[in-house]
Amino acid sequence: QKWFPVSYDDGGAVGRRYRRQDEVGTPFCVTVDFETIG
């Protein structure tokens, strides 16, 4: 967020979060999952 606007969202299923971001035009979504933490 030092470089550009970002949105943090942890509410509900990931699929629903994707849809919320789609509706406002967010081009990329980054998900931290179990693979991320080994």
Full PDB file with SEQRES, HELIX, SHEET, SSBOND, CRYST1, ORIGX, SCALE, CONECT and MASTER records, all heavy atoms in Angstrom:
SEQRES   1 A   38  GLN LYS TRP PHE PRO VAL SER TYR ASP ASP GLY GLY ALA          
SEQRES   2 A   38  VAL GLY ARG ARG TYR ARG ARG GLN ASP GLU VAL GLY THR          
SEQRES   3 A   38  PRO PHE CYS VAL THR VAL ASP PHE GLU THR ILE GLY              
HELIX    1 AA1 VAL A   14  VAL A   24  1                                  11    
CRYST1    1.000    1.000    1.000  90.00  90.00  90.00 P 1           1          
ORIGX1      1.000000  0.000000  0.000000        0.00000                         
ORIGX2      0.000000  1.000000  0.000000        0.00000                         
ORIGX3      0.000000  0.000000  1.000000        0.00000                         
SCALE1      1.000000  0.000000  0.000000        0.00000                         
SCALE2      0.000000  1.000000  0.000000        0.00000                         
SCALE3      0.000000  0.000000  1.000000        0.00000                         
ATOM      1  N   GLN A   1       0.803  -1.214   0.000  1.00  0.00           N  
ATOM      2  CA  GLN A   1       0.000   0.000   0.000  1.00  0.00           C  
ATOM      3  C   GLN A   1       0.842   1.273   0.000  1.00  0.00           C  
ATOM      4  O   GLN A   1       0.301   2.373  -0.152  1.00  0.00           O  
ATOM      5  CB  GLN A   1      -0.979   0.007   1.172  1.00  0.00           C  
ATOM      6  CG  GLN A   1      -0.373   0.017   2.536  1.00  0.00           C  
ATOM      7  CD  GLN A   1      -1.395  -0.182   3.643  1.00  0.00           C  
ATOM      8  OE1 GLN A   1      -1.056  -0.228   4.809  1.00  0.00           O  
ATOM      9  NE2 GLN A   1      -2.670  -0.314   3.293  1.00  0.00           N  
ATOM     10  N   LYS A   2       2.171   1.134   0.108  1.00  0.00           N  
ATOM     11  CA  LYS A   2       3.043   2.290  -0.084  1.00  0.00           C  
ATOM     12  C   LYS A   2       3.113   2.679  -1.556  1.00  0.00           C  
ATOM     13  O   LYS A   2       3.513   3.798  -1.887  1.00  0.00           O  
ATOM     14  CB  LYS A   2       4.460   1.978   0.411  1.00  0.00           C  
ATOM     15  CG  LYS A   2       4.558   1.647   1.893  1.00  0.00           C  
ATOM     16  CD  LYS A   2       5.979   1.242   2.247  1.00  0.00           C  
ATOM     17  CE  LYS A   2       6.099   0.832   3.718  1.00  0.00           C  
ATOM     18  NZ  LYS A   2       7.476   0.388   4.066  1.00  0.00           N  
ATOM     19  N   TRP A   3       2.746   1.742  -2.427  1.00  0.00           N  
ATOM     20  CA  TRP A   3       2.925   1.951  -3.860  1.00  0.00           C  
ATOM     21  C   TRP A   3       1.614   2.179  -4.599  1.00  0.00           C  
ATOM     22  O   TRP A   3       1.592   2.884  -5.608  1.00  0.00           O  
ATOM     23  CB  TRP A   3       3.640   0.732  -4.476  1.00  0.00           C  
ATOM     24  CG  TRP A   3       4.985   0.497  -3.883  1.00  0.00           C  
ATOM     25  CD1 TRP A   3       5.303  -0.273  -2.793  1.00  0.00           C  
ATOM     26  CD2 TRP A   3       6.208   1.075  -4.325  1.00  0.00           C  
ATOM     27  NE1 TRP A   3       6.645  -0.226  -2.533  1.00  0.00           N  
ATOM     28  CE2 TRP A   3       7.241   0.600  -3.464  1.00  0.00           C  
ATOM     29  CE3 TRP A   3       6.553   1.931  -5.369  1.00  0.00           C  
ATOM     30  CZ2 TRP A   3       8.569   0.960  -3.618  1.00  0.00           C  
ATOM     31  CZ3 TRP A   3       7.883   2.286  -5.527  1.00  0.00           C  
ATOM     32  CH2 TRP A   3       8.876   1.816  -4.665  1.00  0.00           C  
ATOM     33  N   PHE A   4       0.526   1.593  -4.130  1.00  0.00           N  
ATOM     34  CA  PHE A   4      -0.763   1.738  -4.812  1.00  0.00           C  
ATOM     35  C   PHE A   4      -1.872   1.269  -3.870  1.00  0.00           C  
ATOM     36  O   PHE A   4      -1.604   0.588  -2.870  1.00  0.00           O  
ATOM     37  CB  PHE A   4      -0.793   0.944  -6.127  1.00  0.00           C  
ATOM     38  CG  PHE A   4      -0.133  -0.400  -6.063  1.00  0.00           C  
ATOM     39  CD1 PHE A   4      -0.705  -1.455  -5.349  1.00  0.00           C  
ATOM     40  CD2 PHE A   4       1.078  -0.629  -6.710  1.00  0.00           C  
ATOM     41  CE1 PHE A   4      -0.101  -2.688  -5.282  1.00  0.00           C  
ATOM     42  CE2 PHE A   4       1.693  -1.870  -6.646  1.00  0.00           C  
ATOM     43  CZ  PHE A   4       1.099  -2.901  -5.932  1.00  0.00           C  
ATOM     44  N   PRO A   5      -3.133   1.616  -4.169  1.00  0.00           N  
ATOM     45  CA  PRO A   5      -4.245   1.226  -3.297  1.00  0.00           C  
ATOM     46  C   PRO A   5      -4.472  -0.289  -3.311  1.00  0.00           C  
ATOM     47  O   PRO A   5      -4.487  -0.921  -4.370  1.00  0.00           O  
ATOM     48  CB  PRO A   5      -5.452   1.961  -3.897  1.00  0.00           C  
ATOM     49  CG  PRO A   5      -4.880   3.061  -4.723  1.00  0.00           C  
ATOM     50  CD  PRO A   5      -3.583   2.532  -5.241  1.00  0.00           C  
ATOM     51  N   VAL A   6      -4.639  -0.865  -2.130  1.00  0.00           N  
ATOM     52  CA  VAL A   6      -4.932  -2.286  -2.000  1.00  0.00           C  
ATOM     53  C   VAL A   6      -6.148  -2.449  -1.090  1.00  0.00           C  
ATOM     54  O   VAL A   6      -6.545  -1.525  -0.378  1.00  0.00           O  
ATOM     55  CB  VAL A   6      -3.736  -3.071  -1.419  1.00  0.00           C  
ATOM     56  CG1 VAL A   6      -2.511  -2.906  -2.290  1.00  0.00           C  
ATOM     57  CG2 VAL A   6      -3.438  -2.625   0.001  1.00  0.00           C  
ATOM     58  N   SER A   7      -6.738  -3.629  -1.117  1.00  0.00           N  
ATOM     59  CA  SER A   7      -7.907  -3.914  -0.291  1.00  0.00           C  
ATOM     60  C   SER A   7      -7.682  -5.222   0.451  1.00  0.00           C  
ATOM     61  O   SER A   7      -7.423  -6.260  -0.171  1.00  0.00           O  
ATOM     62  CB  SER A   7      -9.166  -4.009  -1.162  1.00  0.00           C  
ATOM     63  OG  SER A   7     -10.276  -4.429  -0.396  1.00  0.00           O  
ATOM     64  N   TYR A   8      -7.768  -5.170   1.763  1.00  0.00           N  
ATOM     65  CA  TYR A   8      -7.643  -6.377   2.582  1.00  0.00           C  
ATOM     66  C   TYR A   8      -9.042  -6.892   2.890  1.00  0.00           C  
ATOM     67  O   TYR A   8      -9.912  -6.139   3.333  1.00  0.00           O  
ATOM     68  CB  TYR A   8      -6.902  -6.070   3.880  1.00  0.00           C  
ATOM     69  CG  TYR A   8      -6.711  -7.266   4.786  1.00  0.00           C  
ATOM     70  CD1 TYR A   8      -5.588  -8.067   4.682  1.00  0.00           C  
ATOM     71  CD2 TYR A   8      -7.688  -7.609   5.737  1.00  0.00           C  
ATOM     72  CE1 TYR A   8      -5.408  -9.170   5.507  1.00  0.00           C  
ATOM     73  CE2 TYR A   8      -7.516  -8.707   6.564  1.00  0.00           C  
ATOM     74  CZ  TYR A   8      -6.387  -9.488   6.443  1.00  0.00           C  
ATOM     75  OH  TYR A   8      -6.219 -10.581   7.247  1.00  0.00           O  
ATOM     76  N   ASP A   9      -9.283  -8.171   2.651  1.00  0.00           N  
ATOM     77  CA  ASP A   9     -10.621  -8.731   2.854  1.00  0.00           C  
ATOM     78  C   ASP A   9     -10.481 -10.149   3.404  1.00  0.00           C  
ATOM     79  O   ASP A   9      -9.845 -11.009   2.788  1.00  0.00           O  
ATOM     80  CB  ASP A   9     -11.385  -8.744   1.530  1.00  0.00           C  
ATOM     81  CG  ASP A   9     -12.859  -9.113   1.691  1.00  0.00           C  
ATOM     82  OD1 ASP A   9     -13.265  -9.459   2.817  1.00  0.00           O  
ATOM     83  OD2 ASP A   9     -13.597  -9.053   0.693  1.00  0.00           O  
ATOM     84  N   ASP A  10     -11.072 -10.391   4.582  1.00  0.00           N  
ATOM     85  CA  ASP A  10     -11.039 -11.739   5.144  1.00  0.00           C  
ATOM     86  C   ASP A  10     -12.441 -12.244   5.473  1.00  0.00           C  
ATOM     87  O   ASP A  10     -12.613 -13.176   6.247  1.00  0.00           O  
ATOM     88  CB  ASP A  10     -10.150 -11.788   6.395  1.00  0.00           C  
ATOM     89  CG  ASP A  10     -10.625 -10.821   7.485  1.00  0.00           C  
ATOM     90  OD1 ASP A  10     -11.746 -10.290   7.375  1.00  0.00           O  
ATOM     91  OD2 ASP A  10      -9.863 -10.599   8.450  1.00  0.00           O  
ATOM     92  N   GLY A  11     -13.444 -11.618   4.893  1.00  0.00           N  
ATOM     93  CA  GLY A  11     -14.824 -11.974   5.214  1.00  0.00           C  
ATOM     94  C   GLY A  11     -15.450 -12.929   4.225  1.00  0.00           C  
ATOM     95  O   GLY A  11     -15.538 -12.648   3.022  1.00  0.00           O  
ATOM     96  N   GLY A  12     -15.890 -14.106   4.709  1.00  0.00           N  
ATOM     97  CA  GLY A  12     -16.596 -15.050   3.862  1.00  0.00           C  
ATOM     98  C   GLY A  12     -15.672 -15.920   3.036  1.00  0.00           C  
ATOM     99  O   GLY A  12     -14.441 -15.866   3.135  1.00  0.00           O  
ATOM    100  N   ALA A  13     -16.293 -16.747   2.188  1.00  0.00           N  
ATOM    101  CA  ALA A  13     -15.535 -17.649   1.325  1.00  0.00           C  
ATOM    102  C   ALA A  13     -14.702 -16.857   0.326  1.00  0.00           C  
ATOM    103  O   ALA A  13     -15.063 -15.742  -0.063  1.00  0.00           O  
ATOM    104  CB  ALA A  13     -16.492 -18.587   0.588  1.00  0.00           C  
ATOM    105  N   VAL A  14     -13.574 -17.440  -0.080  1.00  0.00           N  
ATOM    106  CA  VAL A  14     -12.688 -16.753  -1.019  1.00  0.00           C  
ATOM    107  C   VAL A  14     -13.413 -16.430  -2.321  1.00  0.00           C  
ATOM    108  O   VAL A  14     -13.206 -15.363  -2.914  1.00  0.00           O  
ATOM    109  CB  VAL A  14     -11.432 -17.611  -1.288  1.00  0.00           C  
ATOM    110  CG1 VAL A  14     -10.621 -17.022  -2.444  1.00  0.00           C  
ATOM    111  CG2 VAL A  14     -10.563 -17.687  -0.048  1.00  0.00           C  
ATOM    112  N   GLY A  15     -14.276 -17.353  -2.787  1.00  0.00           N  
ATOM    113  CA  GLY A  15     -15.013 -17.103  -4.019  1.00  0.00           C  
ATOM    114  C   GLY A  15     -15.851 -15.841  -3.951  1.00  0.00           C  
ATOM    115  O   GLY A  15     -15.923 -15.075  -4.915  1.00  0.00           O  
ATOM    116  N   ARG A  16     -16.484 -15.604  -2.802  1.00  0.00           N  
ATOM    117  CA  ARG A  16     -17.277 -14.397  -2.633  1.00  0.00           C  
ATOM    118  C   ARG A  16     -16.390 -13.148  -2.590  1.00  0.00           C  
ATOM    119  O   ARG A  16     -16.759 -12.082  -3.081  1.00  0.00           O  
ATOM    120  CB  ARG A  16     -18.108 -14.477  -1.356  1.00  0.00           C  
ATOM    121  CG  ARG A  16     -19.221 -15.518  -1.423  1.00  0.00           C  
ATOM    122  CD  ARG A  16     -20.054 -15.506  -0.160  1.00  0.00           C  
ATOM    123  NE  ARG A  16     -21.125 -16.494  -0.233  1.00  0.00           N  
ATOM    124  CZ  ARG A  16     -22.003 -16.705   0.745  1.00  0.00           C  
ATOM    125  NH1 ARG A  16     -21.917 -15.995   1.879  1.00  0.00           N  
ATOM    126  NH2 ARG A  16     -22.959 -17.614   0.619  1.00  0.00           N  
ATOM    127  N   ARG A  17     -15.223 -13.308  -1.994  1.00  0.00           N  
ATOM    128  CA  ARG A  17     -14.298 -12.176  -1.952  1.00  0.00           C  
ATOM    129  C   ARG A  17     -13.814 -11.826  -3.362  1.00  0.00           C  
ATOM    130  O   ARG A  17     -13.679 -10.645  -3.712  1.00  0.00           O  
ATOM    131  CB  ARG A  17     -13.112 -12.513  -1.044  1.00  0.00           C  
ATOM    132  CG  ARG A  17     -13.477 -12.499   0.439  1.00  0.00           C  
ATOM    133  CD  ARG A  17     -12.266 -12.804   1.311  1.00  0.00           C  
ATOM    134  NE  ARG A  17     -12.284 -14.177   1.811  1.00  0.00           N  
ATOM    135  CZ  ARG A  17     -11.289 -14.738   2.473  1.00  0.00           C  
ATOM    136  NH1 ARG A  17     -10.160 -14.053   2.677  1.00  0.00           N  
ATOM    137  NH2 ARG A  17     -11.380 -15.976   2.910  1.00  0.00           N  
ATOM    138  N   TYR A  18     -13.563 -12.849  -4.170  1.00  0.00           N  
ATOM    139  CA  TYR A  18     -13.204 -12.595  -5.565  1.00  0.00           C  
ATOM    140  C   TYR A  18     -14.298 -11.797  -6.266  1.00  0.00           C  
ATOM    141  O   TYR A  18     -14.015 -10.833  -6.995  1.00  0.00           O  
ATOM    142  CB  TYR A  18     -12.996 -13.913  -6.320  1.00  0.00           C  
ATOM    143  CG  TYR A  18     -11.707 -14.637  -6.016  1.00  0.00           C  
ATOM    144  CD1 TYR A  18     -11.624 -16.029  -6.151  1.00  0.00           C  
ATOM    145  CD2 TYR A  18     -10.557 -13.952  -5.628  1.00  0.00           C  
ATOM    146  CE1 TYR A  18     -10.441 -16.716  -5.893  1.00  0.00           C  
ATOM    147  CE2 TYR A  18      -9.382 -14.627  -5.371  1.00  0.00           C  
ATOM    148  CZ  TYR A  18      -9.329 -16.009  -5.498  1.00  0.00           C  
ATOM    149  OH  TYR A  18      -8.149 -16.671  -5.242  1.00  0.00           O  
ATOM    150  N   ARG A  19     -15.545 -12.184  -6.052  1.00  0.00           N  
ATOM    151  CA  ARG A  19     -16.658 -11.509  -6.726  1.00  0.00           C  
ATOM    152  C   ARG A  19     -16.770 -10.048  -6.289  1.00  0.00           C  
ATOM    153  O   ARG A  19     -17.091  -9.179  -7.106  1.00  0.00           O  
ATOM    154  CB  ARG A  19     -17.977 -12.241  -6.434  1.00  0.00           C  
ATOM    155  CG  ARG A  19     -18.069 -13.619  -7.084  1.00  0.00           C  
ATOM    156  CD  ARG A  19     -18.010 -13.507  -8.623  1.00  0.00           C  
ATOM    157  NE  ARG A  19     -18.139 -14.809  -9.237  1.00  0.00           N  
ATOM    158  CZ  ARG A  19     -19.302 -15.379  -9.568  1.00  0.00           C  
ATOM    159  NH1 ARG A  19     -20.434 -14.744  -9.297  1.00  0.00           N  
ATOM    160  NH2 ARG A  19     -19.344 -16.565 -10.139  1.00  0.00           N  
ATOM    161  N   ARG A  20     -16.535  -9.798  -5.019  1.00  0.00           N  
ATOM    162  CA  ARG A  20     -16.595  -8.410  -4.553  1.00  0.00           C  
ATOM    163  C   ARG A  20     -15.521  -7.561  -5.238  1.00  0.00           C  
ATOM    164  O   ARG A  20     -15.763  -6.407  -5.598  1.00  0.00           O  
ATOM    165  CB  ARG A  20     -16.426  -8.360  -3.025  1.00  0.00           C  
ATOM    166  CG  ARG A  20     -17.638  -8.843  -2.262  1.00  0.00           C  
ATOM    167  CD  ARG A  20     -17.614  -8.376  -0.807  1.00  0.00           C  
ATOM    168  NE  ARG A  20     -16.601  -9.042   0.001  1.00  0.00           N  
ATOM    169  CZ  ARG A  20     -16.832 -10.136   0.737  1.00  0.00           C  
ATOM    170  NH1 ARG A  20     -18.043 -10.696   0.745  1.00  0.00           N  
ATOM    171  NH2 ARG A  20     -15.874 -10.670   1.466  1.00  0.00           N  
ATOM    172  N   GLN A  21     -14.349  -8.139  -5.392  1.00  0.00           N  
ATOM    173  CA  GLN A  21     -13.274  -7.408  -6.065  1.00  0.00           C  
ATOM    174  C   GLN A  21     -13.545  -7.268  -7.560  1.00  0.00           C  
ATOM    175  O   GLN A  21     -13.211  -6.245  -8.167  1.00  0.00           O  
ATOM    176  CB  GLN A  21     -11.935  -8.108  -5.823  1.00  0.00           C  
ATOM    177  CG  GLN A  21     -11.481  -8.106  -4.374  1.00  0.00           C  
ATOM    178  CD  GLN A  21     -11.312  -6.725  -3.799  1.00  0.00           C  
ATOM    179  OE1 GLN A  21     -10.849  -5.806  -4.467  1.00  0.00           O  
ATOM    180  NE2 GLN A  21     -11.704  -6.553  -2.537  1.00  0.00           N  
ATOM    181  N   ASP A  22     -14.148  -8.296  -8.163  1.00  0.00           N  
ATOM    182  CA  ASP A  22     -14.513  -8.203  -9.584  1.00  0.00           C  
ATOM    183  C   ASP A  22     -15.444  -7.023  -9.818  1.00  0.00           C  
ATOM    184  O   ASP A  22     -15.336  -6.297 -10.808  1.00  0.00           O  
ATOM    185  CB  ASP A  22     -15.230  -9.488 -10.035  1.00  0.00           C  
ATOM    186  CG  ASP A  22     -14.295 -10.681 -10.120  1.00  0.00           C  
ATOM    187  OD1 ASP A  22     -13.068 -10.477 -10.136  1.00  0.00           O  
ATOM    188  OD2 ASP A  22     -14.810 -11.822 -10.147  1.00  0.00           O  
ATOM    189  N   GLU A  23     -16.395  -6.832  -8.897  1.00  0.00           N  
ATOM    190  CA  GLU A  23     -17.438  -5.824  -9.074  1.00  0.00           C  
ATOM    191  C   GLU A  23     -16.893  -4.405  -8.998  1.00  0.00           C  
ATOM    192  O   GLU A  23     -17.502  -3.473  -9.516  1.00  0.00           O  
ATOM    193  CB  GLU A  23     -18.534  -6.020  -8.018  1.00  0.00           C  
ATOM    194  CG  GLU A  23     -19.851  -5.378  -8.401  1.00  0.00           C  
ATOM    195  CD  GLU A  23     -20.965  -5.728  -7.441  1.00  0.00           C  
ATOM    196  OE1 GLU A  23     -20.714  -5.829  -6.226  1.00  0.00           O  
ATOM    197  OE2 GLU A  23     -22.109  -5.903  -7.913  1.00  0.00           O  
ATOM    198  N   VAL A  24     -15.743  -4.223  -8.365  1.00  0.00           N  
ATOM    199  CA  VAL A  24     -15.146  -2.885  -8.319  1.00  0.00           C  
ATOM    200  C   VAL A  24     -13.950  -2.769  -9.252  1.00  0.00           C  
ATOM    201  O   VAL A  24     -13.305  -1.719  -9.317  1.00  0.00           O  
ATOM    202  CB  VAL A  24     -14.737  -2.505  -6.875  1.00  0.00           C  
ATOM    203  CG1 VAL A  24     -15.954  -2.533  -5.973  1.00  0.00           C  
ATOM    204  CG2 VAL A  24     -13.638  -3.405  -6.336  1.00  0.00           C  
ATOM    205  N   GLY A  25     -13.644  -3.837  -9.982  1.00  0.00           N  
ATOM    206  CA  GLY A  25     -12.628  -3.749 -11.027  1.00  0.00           C  
ATOM    207  C   GLY A  25     -11.210  -4.042 -10.607  1.00  0.00           C  
ATOM    208  O   GLY A  25     -10.258  -3.719 -11.335  1.00  0.00           O  
ATOM    209  N   THR A  26     -10.991  -4.674  -9.449  1.00  0.00           N  
ATOM    210  CA  THR A  26      -9.635  -4.986  -8.990  1.00  0.00           C  
ATOM    211  C   THR A  26      -9.000  -6.021  -9.909  1.00  0.00           C  
ATOM    212  O   THR A  26      -9.515  -7.132 -10.042  1.00  0.00           O  
ATOM    213  CB  THR A  26      -9.672  -5.527  -7.550  1.00  0.00           C  
ATOM    214  OG1 THR A  26     -10.357  -4.579  -6.717  1.00  0.00           O  
ATOM    215  CG2 THR A  26      -8.277  -5.759  -7.022  1.00  0.00           C  
ATOM    216  N   PRO A  27      -7.882  -5.703 -10.560  1.00  0.00           N  
ATOM    217  CA  PRO A  27      -7.330  -6.616 -11.575  1.00  0.00           C  
ATOM    218  C   PRO A  27      -6.665  -7.873 -11.021  1.00  0.00           C  
ATOM    219  O   PRO A  27      -6.638  -8.900 -11.696  1.00  0.00           O  
ATOM    220  CB  PRO A  27      -6.314  -5.754 -12.325  1.00  0.00           C  
ATOM    221  CG  PRO A  27      -5.941  -4.676 -11.366  1.00  0.00           C  
ATOM    222  CD  PRO A  27      -7.150  -4.424 -10.520  1.00  0.00           C  
ATOM    223  N   PHE A  28      -6.134  -7.816  -9.775  1.00  0.00           N  
ATOM    224  CA  PHE A  28      -5.417  -8.968  -9.227  1.00  0.00           C  
ATOM    225  C   PHE A  28      -5.821  -9.192  -7.769  1.00  0.00           C  
ATOM    226  O   PHE A  28      -6.044  -8.248  -7.023  1.00  0.00           O  
ATOM    227  CB  PHE A  28      -3.903  -8.750  -9.307  1.00  0.00           C  
ATOM    228  CG  PHE A  28      -3.402  -8.439 -10.685  1.00  0.00           C  
ATOM    229  CD1 PHE A  28      -2.994  -7.151 -11.008  1.00  0.00           C  
ATOM    230  CD2 PHE A  28      -3.364  -9.414 -11.665  1.00  0.00           C  
ATOM    231  CE1 PHE A  28      -2.547  -6.843 -12.278  1.00  0.00           C  
ATOM    232  CE2 PHE A  28      -2.919  -9.121 -12.942  1.00  0.00           C  
ATOM    233  CZ  PHE A  28      -2.508  -7.823 -13.252  1.00  0.00           C  
ATOM    234  N   CYS A  29      -5.898 -10.461  -7.396  1.00  0.00           N  
ATOM    235  CA  CYS A  29      -6.147 -10.825  -6.002  1.00  0.00           C  
ATOM    236  C   CYS A  29      -5.043 -11.769  -5.536  1.00  0.00           C  
ATOM    237  O   CYS A  29      -4.711 -12.741  -6.230  1.00  0.00           O  
ATOM    238  CB  CYS A  29      -7.513 -11.506  -5.852  1.00  0.00           C  
ATOM    239  SG  CYS A  29      -8.911 -10.376  -6.077  1.00  0.00           S  
ATOM    240  N   VAL A  30      -4.501 -11.489  -4.375  1.00  0.00           N  
ATOM    241  CA  VAL A  30      -3.425 -12.280  -3.789  1.00  0.00           C  
ATOM    242  C   VAL A  30      -3.982 -13.044  -2.596  1.00  0.00           C  
ATOM    243  O   VAL A  30      -4.556 -12.441  -1.683  1.00  0.00           O  
ATOM    244  CB  VAL A  30      -2.260 -11.377  -3.341  1.00  0.00           C  
ATOM    245  CG1 VAL A  30      -1.234 -12.180  -2.546  1.00  0.00           C  
ATOM    246  CG2 VAL A  30      -1.606 -10.703  -4.538  1.00  0.00           C  
ATOM    247  N   THR A  31      -3.810 -14.372  -2.591  1.00  0.00           N  
ATOM    248  CA  THR A  31      -4.309 -15.200  -1.495  1.00  0.00           C  
ATOM    249  C   THR A  31      -3.151 -15.899  -0.783  1.00  0.00           C  
ATOM    250  O   THR A  31      -2.327 -16.567  -1.417  1.00  0.00           O  
ATOM    251  CB  THR A  31      -5.317 -16.250  -2.009  1.00  0.00           C  
ATOM    252  OG1 THR A  31      -6.402 -15.597  -2.654  1.00  0.00           O  
ATOM    253  CG2 THR A  31      -5.853 -17.081  -0.853  1.00  0.00           C  
ATOM    254  N   VAL A  32      -3.115 -15.697   0.526  1.00  0.00           N  
ATOM    255  CA  VAL A  32      -2.156 -16.403   1.386  1.00  0.00           C  
ATOM    256  C   VAL A  32      -2.838 -17.681   1.869  1.00  0.00           C  
ATOM    257  O   VAL A  32      -3.872 -17.620   2.543  1.00  0.00           O  
ATOM    258  CB  VAL A  32      -1.739 -15.530   2.584  1.00  0.00           C  
ATOM    259  CG1 VAL A  32      -0.804 -16.300   3.503  1.00  0.00           C  
ATOM    260  CG2 VAL A  32      -1.084 -14.237   2.096  1.00  0.00           C  
ATOM    261  N   ASP A  33      -2.285 -18.850   1.509  1.00  0.00           N  
ATOM    262  CA  ASP A  33      -2.953 -20.109   1.819  1.00  0.00           C  
ATOM    263  C   ASP A  33      -2.015 -21.035   2.605  1.00  0.00           C  
ATOM    264  O   ASP A  33      -0.975 -20.611   3.114  1.00  0.00           O  
ATOM    265  CB  ASP A  33      -3.457 -20.779   0.542  1.00  0.00           C  
ATOM    266  CG  ASP A  33      -2.372 -20.910  -0.518  1.00  0.00           C  
ATOM    267  OD1 ASP A  33      -1.174 -20.884  -0.141  1.00  0.00           O  
ATOM    268  OD2 ASP A  33      -2.707 -21.035  -1.705  1.00  0.00           O  
ATOM    269  N   PHE A  34      -2.400 -22.298   2.703  1.00  0.00           N  
ATOM    270  CA  PHE A  34      -1.583 -23.242   3.476  1.00  0.00           C  
ATOM    271  C   PHE A  34      -0.235 -23.494   2.828  1.00  0.00           C  
ATOM    272  O   PHE A  34       0.775 -23.718   3.517  1.00  0.00           O  
ATOM    273  CB  PHE A  34      -2.351 -24.560   3.670  1.00  0.00           C  
ATOM    274  CG  PHE A  34      -3.493 -24.421   4.639  1.00  0.00           C  
ATOM    275  CD1 PHE A  34      -4.803 -24.333   4.197  1.00  0.00           C  
ATOM    276  CD2 PHE A  34      -3.244 -24.372   6.008  1.00  0.00           C  
ATOM    277  CE1 PHE A  34      -5.851 -24.201   5.095  1.00  0.00           C  
ATOM    278  CE2 PHE A  34      -4.288 -24.235   6.916  1.00  0.00           C  
ATOM    279  CZ  PHE A  34      -5.600 -24.142   6.455  1.00  0.00           C  
ATOM    280  N   GLU A  35      -0.172 -23.468   1.478  1.00  0.00           N  
ATOM    281  CA  GLU A  35       1.116 -23.640   0.807  1.00  0.00           C  
ATOM    282  C   GLU A  35       2.067 -22.503   1.180  1.00  0.00           C  
ATOM    283  O   GLU A  35       3.281 -22.699   1.312  1.00  0.00           O  
ATOM    284  CB  GLU A  35       0.919 -23.682  -0.710  1.00  0.00           C  
ATOM    285  CG  GLU A  35       0.393 -24.989  -1.260  1.00  0.00           C  
ATOM    286  CD  GLU A  35      -1.099 -25.184  -1.008  1.00  0.00           C  
ATOM    287  OE1 GLU A  35      -1.746 -24.220  -0.536  1.00  0.00           O  
ATOM    288  OE2 GLU A  35      -1.604 -26.297  -1.258  1.00  0.00           O  
ATOM    289  N   THR A  36       1.523 -21.299   1.354  1.00  0.00           N  
ATOM    290  CA  THR A  36       2.354 -20.141   1.700  1.00  0.00           C  
ATOM    291  C   THR A  36       3.117 -20.360   2.998  1.00  0.00           C  
ATOM    292  O   THR A  36       4.295 -19.986   3.135  1.00  0.00           O  
ATOM    293  CB  THR A  36       1.473 -18.877   1.832  1.00  0.00           C  
ATOM    294  OG1 THR A  36       0.661 -18.719   0.675  1.00  0.00           O  
ATOM    295  CG2 THR A  36       2.335 -17.635   2.033  1.00  0.00           C  
ATOM    296  N   ILE A  37       2.453 -20.993   3.958  1.00  0.00           N  
ATOM    297  CA  ILE A  37       3.068 -21.166   5.287  1.00  0.00           C  
ATOM    298  C   ILE A  37       3.692 -22.548   5.468  1.00  0.00           C  
ATOM    299  O   ILE A  37       4.000 -22.970   6.585  1.00  0.00           O  
ATOM    300  CB  ILE A  37       2.038 -20.889   6.400  1.00  0.00           C  
ATOM    301  CG1 ILE A  37       0.839 -21.847   6.294  1.00  0.00           C  
ATOM    302  CG2 ILE A  37       1.555 -19.446   6.328  1.00  0.00           C  
ATOM    303  CD1 ILE A  37      -0.181 -21.672   7.411  1.00  0.00           C  
ATOM    304  N   GLY A  38       3.846 -23.296   4.347  1.00  0.00           N  
ATOM    305  CA  GLY A  38       4.530 -24.581   4.397  1.00  0.00           C  
ATOM    306  C   GLY A  38       3.695 -25.718   4.925  1.00  0.00           C  
ATOM    307  O   GLY A  38       4.244 -26.725   5.390  1.00  0.00           O  
TER     308      GLY A  38                                                      
MASTER        0    0    0    1    0    0    0    6  307    1    0    3          
END                                                                             
